[in-house]
Amino acid sequence: GRTFSSSGMGWFRQAPGKEREFVAAITWSSGRTDYAYSVK
């Protein structure tokens, strides 16, 4: 789409009947990654 930049991106997931939850994230400037305990 249009010119786009972000400071980071992530992944979330939603199982049937459950709320959407955090899975993993990456921050571009530092390269830092974070994970939910369940997927680490």
ModelCIF file with pLDDT and N, C-alpha, C, O atoms, coordinates in Angstrom:
data_MODEL
#
_entry.id   MODEL 
#
_entity.id                         1 
_entity.type                       polymer 
_entity.pdbx_number_of_molecules   1 
#
_entity_poly.entity_id                      1 
_entity_poly.type                           'polypeptide(L)' 
_entity_poly.nstd_linkage                   no 
_entity_poly.nstd_monomer                   no 
_entity_poly.pdbx_seq_one_letter_code       GRTFSSSGMGWFRQAPGKEREFVAAITWSSGRTDYAYSVK 
_entity_poly.pdbx_seq_one_letter_code_can   GRTFSSSGMGWFRQAPGKEREFVAAITWSSGRTDYAYSVK 
_entity_poly.pdbx_strand_id                 A 
#
loop_
_entity_poly_seq.entity_id 
_entity_poly_seq.num 
_entity_poly_seq.mon_id 
_entity_poly_seq.hetero 
1 1  GLY n 
1 2  ARG n 
1 3  THR n 
1 4  PHE n 
1 5  SER n 
1 6  SER n 
1 7  SER n 
1 8  GLY n 
1 9  MET n 
1 10 GLY n 
1 11 TRP n 
1 12 PHE n 
1 13 ARG n 
1 14 GLN n 
1 15 ALA n 
1 16 PRO n 
1 17 GLY n 
1 18 LYS n 
1 19 GLU n 
1 20 ARG n 
1 21 GLU n 
1 22 PHE n 
1 23 VAL n 
1 24 ALA n 
1 25 ALA n 
1 26 ILE n 
1 27 THR n 
1 28 TRP n 
1 29 SER n 
1 30 SER n 
1 31 GLY n 
1 32 ARG n 
1 33 THR n 
1 34 ASP n 
1 35 TYR n 
1 36 ALA n 
1 37 TYR n 
1 38 SER n 
1 39 VAL n 
1 40 LYS n 
#
_struct_asym.id          A 
_struct_asym.entity_id   1 
#
loop_
_ma_qa_metric.id 
_ma_qa_metric.mode 
_ma_qa_metric.name 
_ma_qa_metric.software_group_id 
_ma_qa_metric.type 
1 global pLDDT . pLDDT 
2 local  pLDDT . pLDDT 
#
_ma_qa_metric_global.metric_id      1 
_ma_qa_metric_global.metric_value   94.20 
_ma_qa_metric_global.model_id       1 
_ma_qa_metric_global.ordinal_id     1 
#
loop_
_ma_qa_metric_local.label_asym_id 
_ma_qa_metric_local.label_comp_id 
_ma_qa_metric_local.label_seq_id 
_ma_qa_metric_local.metric_id 
_ma_qa_metric_local.metric_value 
_ma_qa_metric_local.model_id 
_ma_qa_metric_local.ordinal_id 
A GLY 1  2 73.00 1 1  
A ARG 2  2 71.00 1 2  
A THR 3  2 70.00 1 3  
A PHE 4  2 78.00 1 4  
A SER 5  2 88.00 1 5  
A SER 6  2 92.00 1 6  
A SER 7  2 94.00 1 7  
A GLY 8  2 95.00 1 8  
A MET 9  2 96.00 1 9  
A GLY 10 2 97.00 1 10 
A TRP 11 2 98.00 1 11 
A PHE 12 2 98.00 1 12 
A ARG 13 2 98.00 1 13 
A GLN 14 2 98.00 1 14 
A ALA 15 2 97.00 1 15 
A PRO 16 2 93.00 1 16 
A GLY 17 2 95.00 1 17 
A LYS 18 2 97.00 1 18 
A GLU 19 2 98.00 1 19 
A ARG 20 2 98.00 1 20 
A GLU 21 2 98.00 1 21 
A PHE 22 2 98.00 1 22 
A VAL 23 2 98.00 1 23 
A ALA 24 2 98.00 1 24 
A ALA 25 2 98.00 1 25 
A ILE 26 2 97.00 1 26 
A THR 27 2 97.00 1 27 
A TRP 28 2 95.00 1 28 
A SER 29 2 94.00 1 29 
A SER 30 2 95.00 1 30 
A GLY 31 2 95.00 1 31 
A ARG 32 2 97.00 1 32 
A THR 33 2 98.00 1 33 
A ASP 34 2 98.00 1 34 
A TYR 35 2 98.00 1 35 
A ALA 36 2 98.00 1 36 
A TYR 37 2 98.00 1 37 
A SER 38 2 98.00 1 38 
A VAL 39 2 98.00 1 39 
A LYS 40 2 98.00 1 40 
#
loop_
_atom_site.group_PDB 
_atom_site.id 
_atom_site.type_symbol 
_atom_site.label_atom_id 
_atom_site.label_alt_id 
_atom_site.label_comp_id 
_atom_site.label_asym_id 
_atom_site.label_entity_id 
_atom_site.label_seq_id 
_atom_site.pdbx_PDB_ins_code 
_atom_site.Cartn_x 
_atom_site.Cartn_y 
_atom_site.Cartn_z 
_atom_site.occupancy 
_atom_site.B_iso_or_equiv 
_atom_site.pdbx_formal_charge 
_atom_site.auth_seq_id 
_atom_site.auth_comp_id 
_atom_site.auth_asym_id 
_atom_site.auth_atom_id 
_atom_site.pdbx_PDB_model_num 
ATOM 1   N N  . GLY A 1 1  ? 0.822   -1.190  0.000  1.00 73.00 ? 1  GLY A N  1 
ATOM 2   C CA . GLY A 1 1  ? 0.000   0.000   0.000  1.00 73.00 ? 1  GLY A CA 1 
ATOM 3   C C  . GLY A 1 1  ? 0.862   1.249   0.000  1.00 73.00 ? 1  GLY A C  1 
ATOM 4   O O  . GLY A 1 1  ? 1.957   1.257   -0.563 1.00 73.00 ? 1  GLY A O  1 
ATOM 5   N N  . ARG A 1 2  ? 0.376   2.283   0.621  1.00 71.00 ? 2  ARG A N  1 
ATOM 6   C CA . ARG A 1 2  ? 1.090   3.552   0.612  1.00 71.00 ? 2  ARG A CA 1 
ATOM 7   C C  . ARG A 1 2  ? 2.418   3.417   1.357  1.00 71.00 ? 2  ARG A C  1 
ATOM 8   O O  . ARG A 1 2  ? 2.631   2.453   2.091  1.00 71.00 ? 2  ARG A O  1 
ATOM 9   N N  . THR A 1 3  ? 3.287   4.372   1.166  1.00 70.00 ? 3  THR A N  1 
ATOM 10  C CA . THR A 1 3  ? 4.578   4.382   1.847  1.00 70.00 ? 3  THR A CA 1 
ATOM 11  C C  . THR A 1 3  ? 4.356   4.168   3.333  1.00 70.00 ? 3  THR A C  1 
ATOM 12  O O  . THR A 1 3  ? 3.573   4.873   3.971  1.00 70.00 ? 3  THR A O  1 
ATOM 13  N N  . PHE A 1 4  ? 5.041   3.209   3.857  1.00 78.00 ? 4  PHE A N  1 
ATOM 14  C CA . PHE A 1 4  ? 4.744   2.750   5.204  1.00 78.00 ? 4  PHE A CA 1 
ATOM 15  C C  . PHE A 1 4  ? 6.028   2.457   5.943  1.00 78.00 ? 4  PHE A C  1 
ATOM 16  O O  . PHE A 1 4  ? 6.949   1.861   5.385  1.00 78.00 ? 4  PHE A O  1 
ATOM 17  N N  . SER A 1 5  ? 6.096   2.869   7.187  1.00 88.00 ? 5  SER A N  1 
ATOM 18  C CA . SER A 1 5  ? 7.215   2.488   8.046  1.00 88.00 ? 5  SER A CA 1 
ATOM 19  C C  . SER A 1 5  ? 6.664   2.231   9.436  1.00 88.00 ? 5  SER A C  1 
ATOM 20  O O  . SER A 1 5  ? 5.616   2.756   9.811  1.00 88.00 ? 5  SER A O  1 
ATOM 21  N N  . SER A 1 6  ? 7.372   1.428   10.182 1.00 92.00 ? 6  SER A N  1 
ATOM 22  C CA . SER A 1 6  ? 6.928   1.081   11.524 1.00 92.00 ? 6  SER A CA 1 
ATOM 23  C C  . SER A 1 6  ? 8.128   0.985   12.443 1.00 92.00 ? 6  SER A C  1 
ATOM 24  O O  . SER A 1 6  ? 9.260   0.874   11.973 1.00 92.00 ? 6  SER A O  1 
ATOM 25  N N  . SER A 1 7  ? 7.902   1.026   13.731 1.00 94.00 ? 7  SER A N  1 
ATOM 26  C CA . SER A 1 7  ? 8.978   0.853   14.700 1.00 94.00 ? 7  SER A CA 1 
ATOM 27  C C  . SER A 1 7  ? 9.132   -0.610  15.086 1.00 94.00 ? 7  SER A C  1 
ATOM 28  O O  . SER A 1 7  ? 10.116  -0.990  15.721 1.00 94.00 ? 7  SER A O  1 
ATOM 29  N N  . GLY A 1 8  ? 8.171   -1.421  14.708 1.00 95.00 ? 8  GLY A N  1 
ATOM 30  C CA . GLY A 1 8  ? 8.265   -2.844  15.017 1.00 95.00 ? 8  GLY A CA 1 
ATOM 31  C C  . GLY A 1 8  ? 7.025   -3.577  14.558 1.00 95.00 ? 8  GLY A C  1 
ATOM 32  O O  . GLY A 1 8  ? 6.013   -2.963  14.223 1.00 95.00 ? 8  GLY A O  1 
ATOM 33  N N  . MET A 1 9  ? 7.110   -4.871  14.547 1.00 96.00 ? 9  MET A N  1 
ATOM 34  C CA . MET A 1 9  ? 5.979   -5.698  14.139 1.00 96.00 ? 9  MET A CA 1 
ATOM 35  C C  . MET A 1 9  ? 5.830   -6.861  15.101 1.00 96.00 ? 9  MET A C  1 
ATOM 36  O O  . MET A 1 9  ? 6.738   -7.173  15.871 1.00 96.00 ? 9  MET A O  1 
ATOM 37  N N  . GLY A 1 10 ? 4.677   -7.489  15.044 1.00 97.00 ? 10 GLY A N  1 
ATOM 38  C CA . GLY A 1 10 ? 4.430   -8.585  15.968 1.00 97.00 ? 10 GLY A CA 1 
ATOM 39  C C  . GLY A 1 10 ? 3.445   -9.590  15.419 1.00 97.00 ? 10 GLY A C  1 
ATOM 40  O O  . GLY A 1 10 ? 2.834   -9.398  14.367 1.00 97.00 ? 10 GLY A O  1 
ATOM 41  N N  . TRP A 1 11 ? 3.313   -10.659 16.163 1.00 98.00 ? 11 TRP A N  1 
ATOM 42  C CA . TRP A 1 11 ? 2.351   -11.709 15.853 1.00 98.00 ? 11 TRP A CA 1 
ATOM 43  C C  . TRP A 1 11 ? 1.440   -11.932 17.059 1.00 98.00 ? 11 TRP A C  1 
ATOM 44  O O  . TRP A 1 11 ? 1.894   -11.972 18.203 1.00 98.00 ? 11 TRP A O  1 
ATOM 45  N N  . PHE A 1 12 ? 0.167   -12.075 16.780 1.00 98.00 ? 12 PHE A N  1 
ATOM 46  C CA . PHE A 1 12 ? -0.831  -12.413 17.789 1.00 98.00 ? 12 PHE A CA 1 
ATOM 47  C C  . PHE A 1 12 ? -1.617  -13.616 17.276 1.00 98.00 ? 12 PHE A C  1 
ATOM 48  O O  . PHE A 1 12 ? -1.533  -13.962 16.098 1.00 98.00 ? 12 PHE A O  1 
ATOM 49  N N  . ARG A 1 13 ? -2.371  -14.241 18.152 1.00 98.00 ? 13 ARG A N  1 
ATOM 50  C CA . ARG A 1 13 ? -3.212  -15.351 17.724 1.00 98.00 ? 13 ARG A CA 1 
ATOM 51  C C  . ARG A 1 13 ? -4.510  -15.365 18.506 1.00 98.00 ? 13 ARG A C  1 
ATOM 52  O O  . ARG A 1 13 ? -4.592  -14.851 19.621 1.00 98.00 ? 13 ARG A O  1 
ATOM 53  N N  . GLN A 1 14 ? -5.525  -15.967 17.898 1.00 98.00 ? 14 GLN A N  1 
ATOM 54  C CA . GLN A 1 14 ? -6.827  -16.072 18.541 1.00 98.00 ? 14 GLN A CA 1 
ATOM 55  C C  . GLN A 1 14 ? -7.402  -17.448 18.273 1.00 98.00 ? 14 GLN A C  1 
ATOM 56  O O  . GLN A 1 14 ? -7.674  -17.816 17.130 1.00 98.00 ? 14 GLN A O  1 
ATOM 57  N N  . ALA A 1 15 ? -7.582  -18.196 19.343 1.00 97.00 ? 15 ALA A N  1 
ATOM 58  C CA . ALA A 1 15 ? -8.198  -19.515 19.260 1.00 97.00 ? 15 ALA A CA 1 
ATOM 59  C C  . ALA A 1 15 ? -9.707  -19.357 19.402 1.00 97.00 ? 15 ALA A C  1 
ATOM 60  O O  . ALA A 1 15 ? -10.173 -18.352 19.938 1.00 97.00 ? 15 ALA A O  1 
ATOM 61  N N  . PRO A 1 16 ? -10.477 -20.338 18.929 1.00 93.00 ? 16 PRO A N  1 
ATOM 62  C CA . PRO A 1 16 ? -11.938 -20.256 19.023 1.00 93.00 ? 16 PRO A CA 1 
ATOM 63  C C  . PRO A 1 16 ? -12.386 -20.059 20.467 1.00 93.00 ? 16 PRO A C  1 
ATOM 64  O O  . PRO A 1 16 ? -11.958 -20.784 21.365 1.00 93.00 ? 16 PRO A O  1 
ATOM 65  N N  . GLY A 1 17 ? -13.243 -19.081 20.679 1.00 95.00 ? 17 GLY A N  1 
ATOM 66  C CA . GLY A 1 17 ? -13.796 -18.837 22.000 1.00 95.00 ? 17 GLY A CA 1 
ATOM 67  C C  . GLY A 1 17 ? -12.855 -18.138 22.964 1.00 95.00 ? 17 GLY A C  1 
ATOM 68  O O  . GLY A 1 17 ? -13.179 -17.962 24.138 1.00 95.00 ? 17 GLY A O  1 
ATOM 69  N N  . LYS A 1 18 ? -11.674 -17.733 22.464 1.00 97.00 ? 18 LYS A N  1 
ATOM 70  C CA . LYS A 1 18 ? -10.697 -17.078 23.327 1.00 97.00 ? 18 LYS A CA 1 
ATOM 71  C C  . LYS A 1 18 ? -10.369 -15.690 22.803 1.00 97.00 ? 18 LYS A C  1 
ATOM 72  O O  . LYS A 1 18 ? -10.649 -15.361 21.650 1.00 97.00 ? 18 LYS A O  1 
ATOM 73  N N  . GLU A 1 19 ? -9.773  -14.884 23.669 1.00 98.00 ? 19 GLU A N  1 
ATOM 74  C CA . GLU A 1 19 ? -9.362  -13.553 23.257 1.00 98.00 ? 19 GLU A CA 1 
ATOM 75  C C  . GLU A 1 19 ? -8.060  -13.628 22.456 1.00 98.00 ? 19 GLU A C  1 
ATOM 76  O O  . GLU A 1 19 ? -7.279  -14.571 22.580 1.00 98.00 ? 19 GLU A O  1 
ATOM 77  N N  . ARG A 1 20 ? -7.863  -12.610 21.640 1.00 98.00 ? 20 ARG A N  1 
ATOM 78  C CA . ARG A 1 20 ? -6.616  -12.531 20.893 1.00 98.00 ? 20 ARG A CA 1 
ATOM 79  C C  . ARG A 1 20 ? -5.466  -12.298 21.870 1.00 98.00 ? 20 ARG A C  1 
ATOM 80  O O  . ARG A 1 20 ? -5.575  -11.488 22.790 1.00 98.00 ? 20 ARG A O  1 
ATOM 81  N N  . GLU A 1 21 ? -4.361  -13.018 21.659 1.00 98.00 ? 21 GLU A N  1 
ATOM 82  C CA . GLU A 1 21 ? -3.244  -12.936 22.599 1.00 98.00 ? 21 GLU A CA 1 
ATOM 83  C C  . GLU A 1 21 ? -1.921  -12.705 21.885 1.00 98.00 ? 21 GLU A C  1 
ATOM 84  O O  . GLU A 1 21 ? -1.746  -13.064 20.720 1.00 98.00 ? 21 GLU A O  1 
ATOM 85  N N  . PHE A 1 22 ? -1.021  -12.112 22.598 1.00 98.00 ? 22 PHE A N  1 
ATOM 86  C CA . PHE A 1 22 ? 0.326   -11.830 22.098 1.00 98.00 ? 22 PHE A CA 1 
ATOM 87  C C  . PHE A 1 22 ? 1.113   -13.119 21.904 1.00 98.00 ? 22 PHE A C  1 
ATOM 88  O O  . PHE A 1 22 ? 1.025   -14.037 22.720 1.00 98.00 ? 22 PHE A O  1 
ATOM 89  N N  . VAL A 1 23 ? 1.880   -13.183 20.826 1.00 98.00 ? 23 VAL A N  1 
ATOM 90  C CA . VAL A 1 23 ? 2.754   -14.321 20.562 1.00 98.00 ? 23 VAL A CA 1 
ATOM 91  C C  . VAL A 1 23 ? 4.223   -13.892 20.547 1.00 98.00 ? 23 VAL A C  1 
ATOM 92  O O  . VAL A 1 23 ? 5.040   -14.436 21.290 1.00 98.00 ? 23 VAL A O  1 
ATOM 93  N N  . ALA A 1 24 ? 4.553   -12.921 19.702 1.00 98.00 ? 24 ALA A N  1 
ATOM 94  C CA . ALA A 1 24 ? 5.946   -12.500 19.571 1.00 98.00 ? 24 ALA A CA 1 
ATOM 95  C C  . ALA A 1 24 ? 6.002   -11.107 18.966 1.00 98.00 ? 24 ALA A C  1 
ATOM 96  O O  . ALA A 1 24 ? 5.081   -10.676 18.272 1.00 98.00 ? 24 ALA A O  1 
ATOM 97  N N  . ALA A 1 25 ? 7.104   -10.409 19.244 1.00 98.00 ? 25 ALA A N  1 
ATOM 98  C CA . ALA A 1 25 ? 7.281   -9.065  18.718 1.00 98.00 ? 25 ALA A CA 1 
ATOM 99  C C  . ALA A 1 25 ? 8.743   -8.805  18.426 1.00 98.00 ? 25 ALA A C  1 
ATOM 100 O O  . ALA A 1 25 ? 9.631   -9.380  19.055 1.00 98.00 ? 25 ALA A O  1 
ATOM 101 N N  . ILE A 1 26 ? 8.981   -7.934  17.467 1.00 97.00 ? 26 ILE A N  1 
ATOM 102 C CA . ILE A 1 26 ? 10.338  -7.501  17.149 1.00 97.00 ? 26 ILE A CA 1 
ATOM 103 C C  . ILE A 1 26 ? 10.344  -5.990  17.015 1.00 97.00 ? 26 ILE A C  1 
ATOM 104 O O  . ILE A 1 26 ? 9.450   -5.411  16.398 1.00 97.00 ? 26 ILE A O  1 
ATOM 105 N N  . THR A 1 27 ? 11.359  -5.349  17.598 1.00 97.00 ? 27 THR A N  1 
ATOM 106 C CA . THR A 1 27 ? 11.534  -3.904  17.510 1.00 97.00 ? 27 THR A CA 1 
ATOM 107 C C  . THR A 1 27 ? 12.701  -3.627  16.587 1.00 97.00 ? 27 THR A C  1 
ATOM 108 O O  . THR A 1 27 ? 13.805  -4.117  16.821 1.00 97.00 ? 27 THR A O  1 
ATOM 109 N N  . TRP A 1 28 ? 12.475  -2.848  15.542 1.00 95.00 ? 28 TRP A N  1 
ATOM 110 C CA . TRP A 1 28 ? 13.484  -2.701  14.501 1.00 95.00 ? 28 TRP A CA 1 
ATOM 111 C C  . TRP A 1 28 ? 14.757  -2.006  14.986 1.00 95.00 ? 28 TRP A C  1 
ATOM 112 O O  . TRP A 1 28 ? 15.855  -2.445  14.645 1.00 95.00 ? 28 TRP A O  1 
ATOM 113 N N  . SER A 1 29 ? 14.639  -0.948  15.761 1.00 94.00 ? 29 SER A N  1 
ATOM 114 C CA . SER A 1 29 ? 15.817  -0.147  16.109 1.00 94.00 ? 29 SER A CA 1 
ATOM 115 C C  . SER A 1 29 ? 16.839  -0.924  16.921 1.00 94.00 ? 29 SER A C  1 
ATOM 116 O O  . SER A 1 29 ? 18.043  -0.724  16.766 1.00 94.00 ? 29 SER A O  1 
ATOM 117 N N  . SER A 1 30 ? 16.364  -1.804  17.779 1.00 95.00 ? 30 SER A N  1 
ATOM 118 C CA . SER A 1 30 ? 17.271  -2.537  18.671 1.00 95.00 ? 30 SER A CA 1 
ATOM 119 C C  . SER A 1 30 ? 17.456  -3.994  18.263 1.00 95.00 ? 30 SER A C  1 
ATOM 120 O O  . SER A 1 30 ? 18.415  -4.649  18.670 1.00 95.00 ? 30 SER A O  1 
ATOM 121 N N  . GLY A 1 31 ? 16.526  -4.488  17.453 1.00 95.00 ? 31 GLY A N  1 
ATOM 122 C CA . GLY A 1 31 ? 16.538  -5.909  17.136 1.00 95.00 ? 31 GLY A CA 1 
ATOM 123 C C  . GLY A 1 31 ? 15.964  -6.767  18.250 1.00 95.00 ? 31 GLY A C  1 
ATOM 124 O O  . GLY A 1 31 ? 16.009  -7.996  18.193 1.00 95.00 ? 31 GLY A O  1 
ATOM 125 N N  . ARG A 1 32 ? 15.429  -6.106  19.256 1.00 97.00 ? 32 ARG A N  1 
ATOM 126 C CA . ARG A 1 32 ? 14.885  -6.832  20.403 1.00 97.00 ? 32 ARG A CA 1 
ATOM 127 C C  . ARG A 1 32 ? 13.700  -7.688  19.984 1.00 97.00 ? 32 ARG A C  1 
ATOM 128 O O  . ARG A 1 32 ? 12.851  -7.259  19.202 1.00 97.00 ? 32 ARG A O  1 
ATOM 129 N N  . THR A 1 33 ? 13.656  -8.906  20.518 1.00 98.00 ? 33 THR A N  1 
ATOM 130 C CA . THR A 1 33 ? 12.517  -9.793  20.301 1.00 98.00 ? 33 THR A CA 1 
ATOM 131 C C  . THR A 1 33 ? 11.921  -10.177 21.647 1.00 98.00 ? 33 THR A C  1 
ATOM 132 O O  . THR A 1 33 ? 12.637  -10.307 22.640 1.00 98.00 ? 33 THR A O  1 
ATOM 133 N N  . ASP A 1 34 ? 10.612  -10.356 21.671 1.00 98.00 ? 34 ASP A N  1 
ATOM 134 C CA . ASP A 1 34 ? 9.906   -10.768 22.872 1.00 98.00 ? 34 ASP A CA 1 
ATOM 135 C C  . ASP A 1 34 ? 8.924   -11.876 22.515 1.00 98.00 ? 34 ASP A C  1 
ATOM 136 O O  . ASP A 1 34 ? 8.379   -11.911 21.412 1.00 98.00 ? 34 ASP A O  1 
ATOM 137 N N  . TYR A 1 35 ? 8.713   -12.759 23.448 1.00 98.00 ? 35 TYR A N  1 
ATOM 138 C CA . TYR A 1 35 ? 7.854   -13.910 23.205 1.00 98.00 ? 35 TYR A CA 1 
ATOM 139 C C  . TYR A 1 35 ? 6.904   -14.145 24.373 1.00 98.00 ? 35 TYR A C  1 
ATOM 140 O O  . TYR A 1 35 ? 7.229   -13.856 25.525 1.00 98.00 ? 35 TYR A O  1 
ATOM 141 N N  . ALA A 1 36 ? 5.751   -14.663 24.063 1.00 98.00 ? 36 ALA A N  1 
ATOM 142 C CA . ALA A 1 36 ? 4.867   -15.163 25.103 1.00 98.00 ? 36 ALA A CA 1 
ATOM 143 C C  . ALA A 1 36 ? 5.521   -16.383 25.730 1.00 98.00 ? 36 ALA A C  1 
ATOM 144 O O  . ALA A 1 36 ? 6.251   -17.121 25.068 1.00 98.00 ? 36 ALA A O  1 
ATOM 145 N N  . TYR A 1 37 ? 5.255   -16.584 27.003 1.00 98.00 ? 37 TYR A N  1 
ATOM 146 C CA . TYR A 1 37 ? 5.876   -17.711 27.711 1.00 98.00 ? 37 TYR A CA 1 
ATOM 147 C C  . TYR A 1 37 ? 5.537   -19.048 27.042 1.00 98.00 ? 37 TYR A C  1 
ATOM 148 O O  . TYR A 1 37 ? 6.362   -19.960 26.996 1.00 98.00 ? 37 TYR A O  1 
ATOM 149 N N  . SER A 1 38 ? 4.331   -19.143 26.535 1.00 98.00 ? 38 SER A N  1 
ATOM 150 C CA . SER A 1 38 ? 3.853   -20.413 25.981 1.00 98.00 ? 38 SER A CA 1 
ATOM 151 C C  . SER A 1 38 ? 4.579   -20.824 24.699 1.00 98.00 ? 38 SER A C  1 
ATOM 152 O O  . SER A 1 38 ? 4.534   -21.994 24.319 1.00 98.00 ? 38 SER A O  1 
ATOM 153 N N  . VAL A 1 39 ? 5.250   -19.876 24.024 1.00 98.00 ? 39 VAL A N  1 
ATOM 154 C CA . VAL A 1 39 ? 5.914   -20.213 22.765 1.00 98.00 ? 39 VAL A CA 1 
ATOM 155 C C  . VAL A 1 39 ? 7.428   -20.053 22.836 1.00 98.00 ? 39 VAL A C  1 
ATOM 156 O O  . VAL A 1 39 ? 8.132   -20.398 21.886 1.00 98.00 ? 39 VAL A O  1 
ATOM 157 N N  . LYS A 1 40 ? 7.931   -19.538 23.943 1.00 98.00 ? 40 LYS A N  1 
ATOM 158 C CA . LYS A 1 40 ? 9.361   -19.293 24.066 1.00 98.00 ? 40 LYS A CA 1 
ATOM 159 C C  . LYS A 1 40 ? 10.148  -20.587 23.907 1.00 98.00 ? 40 LYS A C  1 
ATOM 160 O O  . LYS A 1 40 ? 11.377  -20.575 23.981 1.00 98.00 ? 40 LYS A O  1 
#
